[in-house]
Structures are given as structure tokens and as C-alpha cells.
Amino acid sequence: MKQATLDGREYTLREFTEADSGNPHWFLSYICTLIDDPDAMIKLKDKPSLEEEEQWLDAVEAAVCNSREVMILAERQGSLVGIADMRQHPGRSDHIAEIAISIVGEQNRGIGLGSALMTELIDVGLTAIKPGPTILRLSVFDKNERAKALYRKLDFTEVARIPGQFEFQGVLQDEIILLRRC
């Protein structure tokens, strides 16, 4: 567990634990808030049901227990405000770990929380996931300048662009694939 003071606010960064899987309402509230946010450039479009959230949490817990996934949670005053996740690819791609990050609320963006989450995720994930990944992979909407700047700062390199992969606010957006070798 780490404490971070960002823009005068206290945040706790910690790993997902087995106990977290018993709190689907907490995660469901987070993802629904994110989906409702017109500025959040995320892949999800439809709100999951409580049952779907429970199934997702069960899968996360199993992957964490099997050293195939690491999830870092950012909390502020008891609320979940950020998630960074690293999940190992299966089979012949098990040297690759996929990364995803999201932050809820404009007041939590642009203050260094994304950098803190990603740094903690990479530090923990490279040793916790077995076998350790040699390539980190993520994707981002073309128009998400804030996220692209963070990924460049963390030594991710654009390797591909998929035209029109996502629809966001009625406009097709390219998906940019970035890699970082470990």
C-alpha cells in the first residue's frame, strides 16, 4: 500500500485482494460512473449488471491468485477513483501483458494519479506475474492526448494504428497500440 498526495489530496494505492471480490457494488458504481462520464475515453459503452460485475470480479480474483494478473486500486476517502490492471496473455503470447487504466472524475485527472498508478502497476506487475512479461501492451483512443503523453513518458512506443476502431461521442476514433519492452 502506498500513500500519494496529489494536488493537495490524499490517495491510497493498493493491490486488489481477495476481499475486494466480495464488494461488487463498489466496482459497479465505479464503472457506471465512468461510463456516464462524457469525457472518459474507455472501450466500455454499456453498463454491466451486478451479476456481470460479480463474474468479472471472480475472474480477476482467479487470475490474481494464479499470478496472471495484477490490479492496482486508487482510493480517496473510501471511494474507488482509479484502476490500473495488467493481465498476462495466454498461451504462446504469455510473454505479453496487457495494461488498462481508468480514472473517475475530472478532479482526479491531470494531477499525476495516472502516472502513480501506472508506475506502481509496472513495478508490482513485472515481478508478480509469472512468467514475467517481456512486453507490455496497451491501446488508447487517438484523441486521448493526456493518456498518450503519459504512455510516452513511461517509454511506450506506438507500433500500430487501427482506423475507426472505436466510436466516441458520435465520431470514429483510431485505436493506437503501444508497446514497452521490459
N, C-alpha and C. Protein backbone atom coordinates (compact mmCIF):
# COMPACT_ATOMS: atom_id res chain seq x y z
N MET A 1 0.85 -1.18 0.00
CA MET A 1 0.00 0.00 0.00
C MET A 1 0.89 1.24 0.00
N LYS A 2 0.51 2.20 -0.81
CA LYS A 2 1.25 3.46 -0.89
C LYS A 2 0.29 4.62 -0.72
N GLN A 3 0.76 5.66 -0.12
CA GLN A 3 0.02 6.91 0.00
C GLN A 3 0.63 7.91 -0.97
N ALA A 4 -0.23 8.67 -1.61
CA ALA A 4 0.25 9.70 -2.53
C ALA A 4 -0.55 10.97 -2.28
N THR A 5 0.15 12.08 -2.17
CA THR A 5 -0.51 13.38 -2.07
C THR A 5 -0.37 14.06 -3.42
N LEU A 6 -1.52 14.29 -4.06
CA LEU A 6 -1.54 14.86 -5.40
C LEU A 6 -2.51 16.02 -5.42
N ASP A 7 -2.03 17.17 -5.81
CA ASP A 7 -2.86 18.37 -5.87
C ASP A 7 -3.55 18.64 -4.53
N GLY A 8 -2.82 18.36 -3.43
CA GLY A 8 -3.34 18.60 -2.08
C GLY A 8 -4.32 17.56 -1.57
N ARG A 9 -4.52 16.47 -2.34
CA ARG A 9 -5.46 15.42 -1.92
C ARG A 9 -4.70 14.12 -1.66
N GLU A 10 -5.17 13.37 -0.66
CA GLU A 10 -4.54 12.11 -0.28
C GLU A 10 -5.19 10.95 -1.04
N TYR A 11 -4.35 10.10 -1.61
CA TYR A 11 -4.80 8.90 -2.32
C TYR A 11 -4.07 7.70 -1.74
N THR A 12 -4.75 6.57 -1.71
CA THR A 12 -4.15 5.30 -1.34
C THR A 12 -4.10 4.43 -2.59
N LEU A 13 -2.92 3.90 -2.88
CA LEU A 13 -2.74 2.96 -3.99
C LEU A 13 -2.44 1.60 -3.37
N ARG A 14 -3.22 0.60 -3.80
CA ARG A 14 -3.02 -0.73 -3.23
C ARG A 14 -3.41 -1.80 -4.23
N GLU A 15 -2.89 -3.00 -3.98
CA GLU A 15 -3.22 -4.13 -4.84
C GLU A 15 -4.63 -4.65 -4.54
N PHE A 16 -5.28 -5.13 -5.57
CA PHE A 16 -6.55 -5.84 -5.45
C PHE A 16 -6.32 -7.07 -4.58
N THR A 17 -7.24 -7.33 -3.66
CA THR A 17 -7.14 -8.51 -2.81
C THR A 17 -8.39 -9.38 -2.95
N GLU A 18 -8.32 -10.56 -2.41
CA GLU A 18 -9.46 -11.48 -2.43
C GLU A 18 -10.69 -10.83 -1.81
N ALA A 19 -10.50 -10.03 -0.77
CA ALA A 19 -11.63 -9.36 -0.12
C ALA A 19 -12.36 -8.41 -1.06
N ASP A 20 -11.65 -7.82 -2.01
CA ASP A 20 -12.27 -6.90 -2.96
C ASP A 20 -13.31 -7.59 -3.84
N SER A 21 -13.11 -8.86 -4.11
CA SER A 21 -14.06 -9.56 -4.97
C SER A 21 -15.43 -9.70 -4.31
N GLY A 22 -15.50 -9.51 -3.00
CA GLY A 22 -16.77 -9.56 -2.29
C GLY A 22 -17.50 -8.23 -2.25
N ASN A 23 -17.02 -7.25 -3.00
CA ASN A 23 -17.63 -5.93 -2.99
C ASN A 23 -18.00 -5.46 -4.40
N PRO A 24 -18.87 -6.23 -5.10
CA PRO A 24 -19.18 -5.88 -6.48
C PRO A 24 -19.88 -4.53 -6.64
N HIS A 25 -20.65 -4.11 -5.62
CA HIS A 25 -21.35 -2.82 -5.73
C HIS A 25 -20.36 -1.66 -5.84
N TRP A 26 -19.23 -1.76 -5.14
CA TRP A 26 -18.20 -0.72 -5.15
C TRP A 26 -17.62 -0.58 -6.56
N PHE A 27 -17.31 -1.71 -7.18
CA PHE A 27 -16.75 -1.69 -8.54
C PHE A 27 -17.82 -1.31 -9.57
N LEU A 28 -19.05 -1.76 -9.37
CA LEU A 28 -20.13 -1.43 -10.29
C LEU A 28 -20.40 0.07 -10.29
N SER A 29 -20.39 0.67 -9.11
CA SER A 29 -20.57 2.13 -9.01
C SER A 29 -19.47 2.86 -9.77
N TYR A 30 -18.24 2.37 -9.63
CA TYR A 30 -17.09 2.97 -10.31
C TYR A 30 -17.27 2.92 -11.83
N ILE A 31 -17.54 1.72 -12.35
CA ILE A 31 -17.61 1.58 -13.80
C ILE A 31 -18.82 2.31 -14.38
N CYS A 32 -19.93 2.32 -13.66
CA CYS A 32 -21.11 3.06 -14.15
C CYS A 32 -20.85 4.56 -14.18
N THR A 33 -20.15 5.07 -13.18
CA THR A 33 -19.77 6.48 -13.16
C THR A 33 -18.86 6.80 -14.34
N LEU A 34 -17.94 5.91 -14.61
CA LEU A 34 -17.01 6.10 -15.72
C LEU A 34 -17.75 6.09 -17.06
N ILE A 35 -18.67 5.14 -17.22
CA ILE A 35 -19.44 5.05 -18.47
C ILE A 35 -20.30 6.30 -18.67
N ASP A 36 -20.84 6.86 -17.58
CA ASP A 36 -21.66 8.06 -17.66
C ASP A 36 -20.85 9.33 -17.95
N ASP A 37 -19.54 9.28 -17.73
CA ASP A 37 -18.69 10.45 -17.91
C ASP A 37 -18.47 10.70 -19.40
N PRO A 38 -18.96 11.82 -19.94
CA PRO A 38 -18.84 12.06 -21.38
C PRO A 38 -17.40 12.28 -21.85
N ASP A 39 -16.48 12.51 -20.92
CA ASP A 39 -15.09 12.74 -21.30
C ASP A 39 -14.21 11.50 -21.15
N ALA A 40 -14.72 10.43 -20.55
CA ALA A 40 -13.93 9.23 -20.31
C ALA A 40 -13.82 8.42 -21.60
N MET A 41 -12.62 8.34 -22.13
CA MET A 41 -12.39 7.59 -23.37
C MET A 41 -12.06 6.15 -23.00
N ILE A 42 -13.12 5.36 -22.81
CA ILE A 42 -12.97 3.96 -22.46
C ILE A 42 -13.67 3.10 -23.50
N LYS A 43 -13.29 1.83 -23.54
CA LYS A 43 -13.87 0.91 -24.52
C LYS A 43 -15.30 0.52 -24.17
N LEU A 44 -15.60 0.45 -22.88
CA LEU A 44 -16.95 0.04 -22.47
C LEU A 44 -17.97 1.11 -22.83
N LYS A 45 -19.16 0.64 -23.24
CA LYS A 45 -20.22 1.56 -23.62
C LYS A 45 -21.48 1.31 -22.80
N ASP A 46 -21.75 0.04 -22.51
CA ASP A 46 -22.96 -0.34 -21.78
C ASP A 46 -22.62 -0.71 -20.34
N LYS A 47 -23.49 -0.30 -19.43
CA LYS A 47 -23.28 -0.60 -18.02
C LYS A 47 -23.52 -2.08 -17.75
N PRO A 48 -22.62 -2.71 -17.01
CA PRO A 48 -22.82 -4.12 -16.69
C PRO A 48 -23.88 -4.28 -15.59
N SER A 49 -24.44 -5.46 -15.53
CA SER A 49 -25.36 -5.79 -14.44
C SER A 49 -24.53 -6.18 -13.22
N LEU A 50 -25.18 -6.26 -12.09
CA LEU A 50 -24.49 -6.70 -10.87
C LEU A 50 -23.94 -8.11 -11.07
N GLU A 51 -24.70 -8.97 -11.72
CA GLU A 51 -24.25 -10.34 -11.96
C GLU A 51 -23.00 -10.34 -12.86
N GLU A 52 -22.99 -9.53 -13.89
CA GLU A 52 -21.82 -9.45 -14.77
C GLU A 52 -20.61 -8.92 -14.01
N GLU A 53 -20.83 -7.97 -13.12
CA GLU A 53 -19.72 -7.43 -12.33
C GLU A 53 -19.18 -8.49 -11.37
N GLU A 54 -20.05 -9.27 -10.79
CA GLU A 54 -19.63 -10.37 -9.90
C GLU A 54 -18.79 -11.39 -10.67
N GLN A 55 -19.23 -11.73 -11.88
CA GLN A 55 -18.48 -12.68 -12.71
C GLN A 55 -17.11 -12.11 -13.08
N TRP A 56 -17.07 -10.83 -13.41
CA TRP A 56 -15.80 -10.19 -13.73
C TRP A 56 -14.86 -10.23 -12.52
N LEU A 57 -15.38 -9.90 -11.34
CA LEU A 57 -14.55 -9.92 -10.13
C LEU A 57 -14.05 -11.32 -9.81
N ASP A 58 -14.87 -12.34 -10.03
CA ASP A 58 -14.44 -13.73 -9.83
C ASP A 58 -13.28 -14.06 -10.76
N ALA A 59 -13.38 -13.61 -12.02
CA ALA A 59 -12.30 -13.86 -12.99
C ALA A 59 -11.02 -13.13 -12.60
N VAL A 60 -11.16 -11.89 -12.13
CA VAL A 60 -9.98 -11.13 -11.68
C VAL A 60 -9.34 -11.84 -10.50
N GLU A 61 -10.15 -12.23 -9.53
CA GLU A 61 -9.61 -12.90 -8.34
C GLU A 61 -8.85 -14.17 -8.73
N ALA A 62 -9.43 -14.97 -9.62
CA ALA A 62 -8.77 -16.21 -10.06
C ALA A 62 -7.44 -15.91 -10.75
N ALA A 63 -7.43 -14.92 -11.63
CA ALA A 63 -6.21 -14.57 -12.36
C ALA A 63 -5.14 -14.02 -11.40
N VAL A 64 -5.55 -13.22 -10.42
CA VAL A 64 -4.60 -12.70 -9.43
C VAL A 64 -4.01 -13.85 -8.62
N CYS A 65 -4.87 -14.76 -8.17
CA CYS A 65 -4.40 -15.91 -7.38
C CYS A 65 -3.46 -16.81 -8.17
N ASN A 66 -3.63 -16.85 -9.49
CA ASN A 66 -2.78 -17.68 -10.36
C ASN A 66 -1.59 -16.92 -10.93
N SER A 67 -1.32 -15.75 -10.40
CA SER A 67 -0.18 -14.91 -10.83
C SER A 67 -0.24 -14.57 -12.31
N ARG A 68 -1.47 -14.35 -12.82
CA ARG A 68 -1.66 -13.98 -14.22
C ARG A 68 -2.13 -12.54 -14.38
N GLU A 69 -2.45 -11.89 -13.24
CA GLU A 69 -2.99 -10.54 -13.30
C GLU A 69 -2.62 -9.79 -12.02
N VAL A 70 -2.43 -8.49 -12.19
CA VAL A 70 -2.23 -7.57 -11.06
C VAL A 70 -3.15 -6.39 -11.30
N MET A 71 -3.82 -5.97 -10.26
CA MET A 71 -4.69 -4.79 -10.34
C MET A 71 -4.33 -3.86 -9.19
N ILE A 72 -4.10 -2.60 -9.52
CA ILE A 72 -3.83 -1.57 -8.52
C ILE A 72 -5.05 -0.66 -8.44
N LEU A 73 -5.54 -0.46 -7.22
CA LEU A 73 -6.69 0.39 -6.98
C LEU A 73 -6.25 1.70 -6.36
N ALA A 74 -6.85 2.79 -6.79
CA ALA A 74 -6.62 4.11 -6.18
C ALA A 74 -7.89 4.49 -5.44
N GLU A 75 -7.74 4.79 -4.16
CA GLU A 75 -8.87 5.18 -3.33
C GLU A 75 -8.65 6.58 -2.78
N ARG A 76 -9.76 7.27 -2.61
CA ARG A 76 -9.74 8.58 -1.96
C ARG A 76 -10.98 8.68 -1.09
N GLN A 77 -10.76 8.84 0.19
CA GLN A 77 -11.86 8.97 1.17
C GLN A 77 -12.88 7.84 1.03
N GLY A 78 -12.36 6.60 0.86
CA GLY A 78 -13.22 5.43 0.79
C GLY A 78 -13.85 5.16 -0.56
N SER A 79 -13.63 6.05 -1.53
CA SER A 79 -14.18 5.86 -2.87
C SER A 79 -13.11 5.34 -3.82
N LEU A 80 -13.50 4.47 -4.71
CA LEU A 80 -12.62 3.99 -5.76
C LEU A 80 -12.56 5.05 -6.85
N VAL A 81 -11.37 5.57 -7.13
CA VAL A 81 -11.23 6.63 -8.13
C VAL A 81 -10.32 6.26 -9.29
N GLY A 82 -9.66 5.12 -9.21
CA GLY A 82 -8.78 4.70 -10.30
C GLY A 82 -8.47 3.23 -10.24
N ILE A 83 -8.30 2.64 -11.42
CA ILE A 83 -7.91 1.23 -11.53
C ILE A 83 -6.86 1.13 -12.63
N ALA A 84 -5.78 0.42 -12.33
CA ALA A 84 -4.78 0.07 -13.33
C ALA A 84 -4.61 -1.44 -13.27
N ASP A 85 -4.62 -2.07 -14.43
CA ASP A 85 -4.66 -3.52 -14.49
C ASP A 85 -3.62 -4.03 -15.49
N MET A 86 -2.95 -5.12 -15.12
CA MET A 86 -2.00 -5.79 -16.00
C MET A 86 -2.38 -7.26 -16.02
N ARG A 87 -2.69 -7.77 -17.21
CA ARG A 87 -3.13 -9.16 -17.36
C ARG A 87 -2.27 -9.85 -18.41
N GLN A 88 -1.73 -11.00 -18.03
CA GLN A 88 -0.89 -11.77 -18.93
C GLN A 88 -1.72 -12.40 -20.04
N HIS A 89 -1.21 -12.34 -21.26
CA HIS A 89 -1.84 -13.02 -22.39
C HIS A 89 -1.66 -14.53 -22.20
N PRO A 90 -2.57 -15.33 -22.73
CA PRO A 90 -2.44 -16.78 -22.59
C PRO A 90 -1.59 -17.41 -23.69
N GLY A 91 -1.21 -18.66 -23.47
CA GLY A 91 -0.57 -19.48 -24.49
C GLY A 91 0.74 -18.95 -25.01
N ARG A 92 0.87 -18.95 -26.32
CA ARG A 92 2.13 -18.54 -26.96
C ARG A 92 2.42 -17.04 -26.83
N SER A 93 1.47 -16.32 -26.29
CA SER A 93 1.67 -14.88 -26.06
C SER A 93 1.87 -14.57 -24.58
N ASP A 94 2.24 -15.59 -23.78
CA ASP A 94 2.33 -15.34 -22.33
C ASP A 94 3.51 -14.47 -21.93
N HIS A 95 4.31 -14.05 -22.88
CA HIS A 95 5.39 -13.09 -22.62
C HIS A 95 4.87 -11.64 -22.70
N ILE A 96 3.58 -11.49 -23.05
CA ILE A 96 2.97 -10.17 -23.20
C ILE A 96 1.95 -9.96 -22.09
N ALA A 97 1.96 -8.79 -21.50
CA ALA A 97 0.94 -8.41 -20.52
C ALA A 97 0.21 -7.18 -21.05
N GLU A 98 -1.11 -7.26 -21.02
CA GLU A 98 -1.98 -6.17 -21.47
C GLU A 98 -2.26 -5.25 -20.29
N ILE A 99 -2.16 -3.95 -20.52
CA ILE A 99 -2.40 -2.96 -19.48
C ILE A 99 -3.63 -2.13 -19.82
N ALA A 100 -4.40 -1.82 -18.79
CA ALA A 100 -5.53 -0.90 -18.93
C ALA A 100 -5.56 -0.01 -17.69
N ILE A 101 -6.00 1.22 -17.88
CA ILE A 101 -6.08 2.16 -16.75
C ILE A 101 -7.30 3.04 -16.96
N SER A 102 -7.94 3.39 -15.86
CA SER A 102 -9.05 4.34 -15.90
C SER A 102 -9.06 5.13 -14.61
N ILE A 103 -9.51 6.36 -14.73
CA ILE A 103 -9.62 7.25 -13.57
C ILE A 103 -10.96 7.96 -13.66
N VAL A 104 -11.68 7.97 -12.56
CA VAL A 104 -13.01 8.57 -12.49
C VAL A 104 -12.90 10.00 -11.98
N GLY A 105 -13.63 10.91 -12.61
CA GLY A 105 -13.72 12.28 -12.11
C GLY A 105 -12.62 13.18 -12.62
N GLU A 106 -13.01 14.29 -13.22
CA GLU A 106 -12.04 15.24 -13.77
C GLU A 106 -11.08 15.76 -12.70
N GLN A 107 -11.56 15.88 -11.44
CA GLN A 107 -10.70 16.36 -10.36
C GLN A 107 -9.55 15.40 -10.05
N ASN A 108 -9.66 14.15 -10.50
CA ASN A 108 -8.61 13.15 -10.27
C ASN A 108 -7.71 12.96 -11.49
N ARG A 109 -8.00 13.66 -12.57
CA ARG A 109 -7.21 13.53 -13.79
C ARG A 109 -6.28 14.74 -13.95
N GLY A 110 -5.15 14.49 -14.57
CA GLY A 110 -4.22 15.58 -14.85
C GLY A 110 -3.44 16.06 -13.65
N ILE A 111 -3.42 15.27 -12.57
CA ILE A 111 -2.70 15.67 -11.35
C ILE A 111 -1.57 14.71 -10.99
N GLY A 112 -1.36 13.68 -11.84
CA GLY A 112 -0.30 12.70 -11.58
C GLY A 112 -0.80 11.36 -11.07
N LEU A 113 -2.10 11.21 -10.91
CA LEU A 113 -2.63 9.93 -10.42
C LEU A 113 -2.40 8.82 -11.45
N GLY A 114 -2.58 9.11 -12.72
CA GLY A 114 -2.34 8.11 -13.76
C GLY A 114 -0.89 7.65 -13.75
N SER A 115 0.03 8.58 -13.61
CA SER A 115 1.45 8.25 -13.54
C SER A 115 1.75 7.39 -12.31
N ALA A 116 1.17 7.77 -11.16
CA ALA A 116 1.39 7.00 -9.93
C ALA A 116 0.82 5.58 -10.07
N LEU A 117 -0.38 5.47 -10.63
CA LEU A 117 -1.00 4.15 -10.82
C LEU A 117 -0.17 3.29 -11.78
N MET A 118 0.22 3.86 -12.91
CA MET A 118 0.97 3.09 -13.90
C MET A 118 2.34 2.68 -13.38
N THR A 119 3.03 3.56 -12.68
CA THR A 119 4.34 3.24 -12.13
C THR A 119 4.22 2.10 -11.11
N GLU A 120 3.24 2.19 -10.23
CA GLU A 120 3.02 1.14 -9.24
C GLU A 120 2.64 -0.18 -9.93
N LEU A 121 1.77 -0.11 -10.92
CA LEU A 121 1.36 -1.30 -11.64
C LEU A 121 2.55 -1.99 -12.30
N ILE A 122 3.38 -1.24 -12.97
CA ILE A 122 4.53 -1.83 -13.66
C ILE A 122 5.51 -2.40 -12.65
N ASP A 123 5.79 -1.68 -11.57
CA ASP A 123 6.71 -2.17 -10.55
C ASP A 123 6.23 -3.49 -9.96
N VAL A 124 4.96 -3.56 -9.60
CA VAL A 124 4.40 -4.76 -8.98
C VAL A 124 4.21 -5.87 -10.02
N GLY A 125 3.64 -5.50 -11.17
CA GLY A 125 3.28 -6.49 -12.17
C GLY A 125 4.45 -7.26 -12.76
N LEU A 126 5.57 -6.60 -12.98
CA LEU A 126 6.71 -7.27 -13.60
C LEU A 126 7.27 -8.38 -12.73
N THR A 127 7.06 -8.31 -11.42
CA THR A 127 7.54 -9.38 -10.54
C THR A 127 6.43 -10.33 -10.12
N ALA A 128 5.19 -9.84 -10.04
CA ALA A 128 4.08 -10.68 -9.54
C ALA A 128 3.54 -11.63 -10.60
N ILE A 129 3.54 -11.22 -11.86
CA ILE A 129 3.01 -12.06 -12.93
C ILE A 129 4.07 -13.08 -13.32
N LYS A 130 3.66 -14.35 -13.40
CA LYS A 130 4.58 -15.44 -13.72
C LYS A 130 4.11 -16.19 -14.95
N PRO A 131 4.97 -16.48 -15.93
CA PRO A 131 6.31 -15.93 -16.01
C PRO A 131 6.27 -14.43 -16.28
N GLY A 132 7.29 -13.76 -15.85
CA GLY A 132 7.32 -12.31 -16.00
C GLY A 132 7.22 -11.88 -17.46
N PRO A 133 6.39 -10.89 -17.74
CA PRO A 133 6.25 -10.41 -19.11
C PRO A 133 7.52 -9.72 -19.60
N THR A 134 7.77 -9.85 -20.89
CA THR A 134 8.89 -9.14 -21.50
C THR A 134 8.39 -8.00 -22.39
N ILE A 135 7.09 -7.99 -22.65
CA ILE A 135 6.48 -6.91 -23.43
C ILE A 135 5.20 -6.47 -22.72
N LEU A 136 5.04 -5.16 -22.57
CA LEU A 136 3.80 -4.59 -22.05
C LEU A 136 3.07 -3.97 -23.24
N ARG A 137 1.76 -4.20 -23.31
CA ARG A 137 0.96 -3.74 -24.44
C ARG A 137 -0.24 -2.97 -23.91
N LEU A 138 -0.59 -1.89 -24.58
CA LEU A 138 -1.81 -1.17 -24.25
C LEU A 138 -2.32 -0.48 -25.49
N SER A 139 -3.56 -0.01 -25.40
CA SER A 139 -4.10 0.74 -26.52
C SER A 139 -4.81 1.97 -25.98
N VAL A 140 -4.96 2.95 -26.85
CA VAL A 140 -5.53 4.24 -26.46
C VAL A 140 -6.28 4.83 -27.64
N PHE A 141 -7.32 5.60 -27.33
CA PHE A 141 -8.02 6.35 -28.38
C PHE A 141 -7.06 7.40 -28.94
N ASP A 142 -7.11 7.59 -30.24
CA ASP A 142 -6.24 8.55 -30.90
C ASP A 142 -6.34 9.95 -30.29
N LYS A 143 -7.52 10.37 -29.90
CA LYS A 143 -7.73 11.73 -29.39
C LYS A 143 -7.43 11.90 -27.90
N ASN A 144 -7.00 10.84 -27.22
CA ASN A 144 -6.72 10.92 -25.78
C ASN A 144 -5.28 11.40 -25.56
N GLU A 145 -5.09 12.69 -25.74
CA GLU A 145 -3.75 13.29 -25.67
C GLU A 145 -3.11 13.13 -24.29
N ARG A 146 -3.90 13.26 -23.24
CA ARG A 146 -3.38 13.15 -21.87
C ARG A 146 -2.80 11.75 -21.65
N ALA A 147 -3.53 10.72 -22.06
CA ALA A 147 -3.06 9.34 -21.89
C ALA A 147 -1.84 9.07 -22.75
N LYS A 148 -1.86 9.54 -23.99
CA LYS A 148 -0.71 9.31 -24.88
C LYS A 148 0.55 9.95 -24.31
N ALA A 149 0.44 11.12 -23.72
CA ALA A 149 1.60 11.78 -23.11
C ALA A 149 2.14 10.95 -21.94
N LEU A 150 1.25 10.41 -21.13
CA LEU A 150 1.67 9.56 -20.02
C LEU A 150 2.40 8.33 -20.54
N TYR A 151 1.86 7.68 -21.54
CA TYR A 151 2.47 6.45 -22.05
C TYR A 151 3.84 6.72 -22.67
N ARG A 152 3.96 7.83 -23.37
CA ARG A 152 5.27 8.20 -23.93
C ARG A 152 6.28 8.44 -22.80
N LYS A 153 5.84 9.10 -21.74
CA LYS A 153 6.70 9.37 -20.59
C LYS A 153 7.19 8.06 -19.95
N LEU A 154 6.37 7.02 -20.04
CA LEU A 154 6.71 5.73 -19.45
C LEU A 154 7.37 4.78 -20.47
N ASP A 155 7.87 5.35 -21.57
CA ASP A 155 8.64 4.62 -22.59
C ASP A 155 7.84 3.63 -23.42
N PHE A 156 6.54 3.88 -23.60
CA PHE A 156 5.76 3.09 -24.54
C PHE A 156 5.91 3.71 -25.92
N THR A 157 5.94 2.85 -26.94
CA THR A 157 6.12 3.29 -28.32
C THR A 157 4.94 2.84 -29.17
N GLU A 158 4.44 3.75 -29.99
CA GLU A 158 3.36 3.38 -30.89
C GLU A 158 3.87 2.41 -31.95
N VAL A 159 3.13 1.29 -32.11
CA VAL A 159 3.54 0.29 -33.09
C VAL A 159 2.46 0.03 -34.15
N ALA A 160 1.23 0.46 -33.87
CA ALA A 160 0.16 0.22 -34.84
C ALA A 160 -0.99 1.19 -34.60
N ARG A 161 -1.76 1.37 -35.65
CA ARG A 161 -2.95 2.21 -35.58
C ARG A 161 -4.05 1.49 -36.34
N ILE A 162 -5.21 1.35 -35.70
CA ILE A 162 -6.36 0.70 -36.34
C ILE A 162 -7.40 1.78 -36.59
N PRO A 163 -7.60 2.14 -37.85
CA PRO A 163 -8.54 3.23 -38.17
C PRO A 163 -9.98 2.89 -37.79
N GLY A 164 -10.66 3.86 -37.19
CA GLY A 164 -12.08 3.75 -36.89
C GLY A 164 -12.46 2.63 -35.94
N GLN A 165 -11.56 2.22 -35.07
CA GLN A 165 -11.81 1.09 -34.18
C GLN A 165 -12.88 1.38 -33.13
N PHE A 166 -12.94 2.62 -32.64
CA PHE A 166 -13.88 2.98 -31.58
C PHE A 166 -14.79 4.11 -32.03
N GLU A 167 -16.01 4.08 -31.53
CA GLU A 167 -16.94 5.20 -31.72
C GLU A 167 -17.01 5.93 -30.39
N PHE A 168 -16.72 7.22 -30.41
CA PHE A 168 -16.74 8.03 -29.19
C PHE A 168 -17.40 9.36 -29.50
N GLN A 169 -18.48 9.65 -28.80
CA GLN A 169 -19.24 10.88 -28.98
C GLN A 169 -19.66 11.07 -30.44
N GLY A 170 -20.06 9.96 -31.07
CA GLY A 170 -20.57 10.00 -32.43
C GLY A 170 -19.52 10.08 -33.51
N VAL A 171 -18.25 9.99 -33.14
CA VAL A 171 -17.16 10.09 -34.11
C VAL A 171 -16.29 8.84 -34.01
N LEU A 172 -15.90 8.29 -35.16
CA LEU A 172 -15.00 7.14 -35.14
C LEU A 172 -13.59 7.60 -34.77
N GLN A 173 -12.97 6.84 -33.87
CA GLN A 173 -11.63 7.14 -33.38
C GLN A 173 -10.70 6.00 -33.74
N ASP A 174 -9.47 6.33 -34.09
CA ASP A 174 -8.46 5.30 -34.31
C ASP A 174 -8.02 4.73 -32.96
N GLU A 175 -7.69 3.46 -32.97
CA GLU A 175 -7.06 2.84 -31.80
C GLU A 175 -5.56 2.82 -32.04
N ILE A 176 -4.80 3.29 -31.08
CA ILE A 176 -3.34 3.27 -31.17
C ILE A 176 -2.84 2.18 -30.24
N ILE A 177 -2.02 1.28 -30.77
CA ILE A 177 -1.42 0.20 -30.00
C ILE A 177 0.00 0.63 -29.64
N LEU A 178 0.34 0.51 -28.35
CA LEU A 178 1.68 0.87 -27.88
C LEU A 178 2.30 -0.30 -27.13
N LEU A 179 3.63 -0.42 -27.25
CA LEU A 179 4.37 -1.46 -26.57
C LEU A 179 5.52 -0.86 -25.78
N ARG A 180 5.91 -1.61 -24.75
CA ARG A 180 7.11 -1.28 -23.99
C ARG A 180 7.83 -2.60 -23.71
N ARG A 181 9.08 -2.67 -24.09
CA ARG A 181 9.87 -3.88 -23.81
C ARG A 181 10.45 -3.77 -22.41
N CYS A 182 10.44 -4.89 -21.72
CA CYS A 182 10.92 -4.91 -20.32
C CYS A 182 12.33 -5.45 -20.24
